Amino acid sequence: MNINKTGLWGEIYSARYLRDNGYTILAGNYRCRTGEIDIIAFKDGTVCFTEVKTRGENPLFRPMEAVDIHKRKRLISAAEYYIHYVDKESASRFDVIEVTLDKDYKVKEINHIKDAFSALD
């Protein structure tokens, strides 16, 4: 599997999953000087900063395990920037979506971990 293609498909499937579950997509691949956020979505008064981790069949580790302390710090920093410049009013949280694809880039599993970590961790 091509790593770039795998990640792209994971983000496409994740955005579709969020829309199908009542979220409004505010931004995809949001970039600022402090980092990047895969998907920023909104539902029920909450802005969800969403990291997507995609793996092929039979991964050795859960995709969530790739969201280490360094990645979390970059996500938190980018979210703080977004909150400061775009939306100071809404509640917010950090979600992780784990996507597992088969060899043909079709979804085998999507696992949405709501409130996966906080800025206080």
Protein backbone atom coordinates (compact mmCIF):
# COMPACT_ATOMS: atom_id res chain seq x y z
CA MET A 1 0.00 0.00 0.00
CA ASN A 2 1.15 3.51 -0.79
CA ILE A 3 1.43 5.48 2.47
CA ASN A 4 0.31 8.81 0.97
CA LYS A 5 -2.64 7.16 -0.78
CA THR A 6 -3.58 5.29 2.40
CA GLY A 7 -3.66 8.51 4.43
CA LEU A 8 -5.65 10.34 1.79
CA TRP A 9 -8.29 7.60 1.64
CA GLY A 10 -8.45 7.53 5.43
CA GLU A 11 -9.19 11.24 5.54
CA ILE A 12 -11.83 10.96 2.81
CA TYR A 13 -13.58 8.08 4.59
CA SER A 14 -13.35 9.90 7.93
CA ALA A 15 -14.92 13.09 6.57
CA ARG A 16 -17.72 11.03 5.02
CA TYR A 17 -18.22 9.18 8.32
CA LEU A 18 -18.44 12.45 10.26
CA ARG A 19 -20.93 13.97 7.79
CA ASP A 20 -23.05 10.80 7.90
CA ASN A 21 -23.12 11.11 11.69
CA GLY A 22 -24.36 14.69 11.77
CA TYR A 23 -21.11 16.67 11.86
CA THR A 24 -20.46 19.74 9.73
CA ILE A 25 -16.96 19.79 8.25
CA LEU A 26 -15.43 23.22 8.90
CA ALA A 27 -11.96 22.53 7.46
CA GLY A 28 -9.85 19.74 6.06
CA ASN A 29 -6.05 19.73 6.36
CA TYR A 30 -6.15 22.98 8.32
CA ARG A 31 -2.66 24.42 8.37
CA CYS A 32 -1.29 27.26 10.40
CA ARG A 33 2.20 28.25 11.49
CA THR A 34 2.04 25.97 14.53
CA GLY A 35 0.81 22.75 12.93
CA GLU A 36 -1.87 20.92 10.98
CA ILE A 37 -5.21 19.37 11.85
CA ASP A 38 -6.65 16.70 9.55
CA ILE A 39 -10.34 17.58 10.02
CA ILE A 40 -12.10 20.28 11.99
CA ALA A 41 -15.75 19.39 12.44
CA PHE A 42 -18.69 20.83 14.39
CA LYS A 43 -21.60 19.14 16.12
CA ASP A 44 -23.87 20.06 19.03
CA GLY A 45 -22.00 23.28 19.84
CA THR A 46 -18.58 21.61 19.92
CA VAL A 47 -15.64 22.07 17.58
CA CYS A 48 -13.91 18.70 17.12
CA PHE A 49 -10.24 18.79 16.18
CA THR A 50 -9.83 15.40 14.56
CA GLU A 51 -6.64 13.49 13.85
CA VAL A 52 -7.04 10.67 11.34
CA LYS A 53 -4.75 7.65 11.54
CA THR A 54 -5.03 5.09 8.77
CA ARG A 55 -3.46 1.65 8.51
CA GLY A 56 -3.62 -1.28 6.13
CA GLU A 57 -4.83 -4.75 7.00
CA ASN A 58 -3.52 -6.38 10.18
CA PRO A 59 -1.57 -3.46 11.65
CA LEU A 60 0.94 -4.30 14.37
CA PHE A 61 -0.32 -1.45 16.54
CA ARG A 62 -3.57 0.44 16.90
CA PRO A 63 -3.48 3.62 14.81
CA MET A 64 -4.23 5.70 17.95
CA GLU A 65 -0.82 4.73 19.31
CA ALA A 66 0.78 6.95 16.65
CA VAL A 67 -0.73 10.01 18.34
CA ASP A 68 2.15 10.40 20.77
CA ILE A 69 2.91 13.31 23.09
CA HIS A 70 4.76 15.23 20.36
CA LYS A 71 1.86 14.89 17.92
CA ARG A 72 -0.58 15.91 20.64
CA LYS A 73 1.40 19.06 21.40
CA ARG A 74 1.37 20.07 17.71
CA LEU A 75 -2.37 19.40 17.48
CA ILE A 76 -3.06 21.39 20.64
CA SER A 77 -0.96 24.28 19.37
CA ALA A 78 -2.77 24.36 16.01
CA ALA A 79 -6.14 24.13 17.79
CA GLU A 80 -5.22 27.04 20.06
CA TYR A 81 -4.38 29.08 16.96
CA TYR A 82 -7.74 28.16 15.37
CA ILE A 83 -9.63 29.02 18.54
CA HIS A 84 -7.84 32.36 18.88
CA TYR A 85 -8.34 33.48 15.28
CA VAL A 86 -11.52 31.70 14.16
CA ASP A 87 -13.85 30.51 16.94
CA LYS A 88 -13.47 31.74 20.51
CA GLU A 89 -17.04 30.88 21.49
CA SER A 90 -17.54 27.14 20.99
CA ALA A 91 -16.54 24.29 23.26
CA SER A 92 -13.86 22.06 21.78
CA ARG A 93 -12.37 18.59 22.05
CA PHE A 94 -9.75 16.37 20.41
CA ASP A 95 -10.92 13.26 18.58
CA VAL A 96 -9.00 10.53 16.79
CA ILE A 97 -10.45 8.45 13.99
CA GLU A 98 -8.76 5.13 13.34
CA VAL A 99 -9.29 3.77 9.83
CA THR A 100 -8.27 0.30 8.69
CA LEU A 101 -8.26 -0.37 4.94
CA ASP A 102 -8.01 -3.56 2.92
CA LYS A 103 -5.50 -3.99 0.10
CA ASP A 104 -7.91 -2.29 -2.33
CA TYR A 105 -8.24 0.82 -0.10
CA LYS A 106 -11.76 -0.11 0.99
CA VAL A 107 -12.77 0.47 4.60
CA LYS A 108 -12.56 -2.53 6.89
CA GLU A 109 -13.14 -0.57 10.09
CA ILE A 110 -13.63 2.99 11.35
CA ASN A 111 -13.26 3.70 15.05
CA HIS A 112 -14.15 7.22 16.22
CA ILE A 113 -12.53 7.97 19.57
CA LYS A 114 -14.28 11.03 20.94
CA ASP A 115 -12.39 13.21 23.43
CA ALA A 116 -9.30 11.03 22.88
CA PHE A 117 -7.05 13.40 24.83
CA SER A 118 -7.16 16.90 26.24
CA ALA A 119 -4.90 19.90 26.30
CA LEU A 120 -4.36 19.12 29.98
CA ASP A 121 -2.86 15.64 29.43
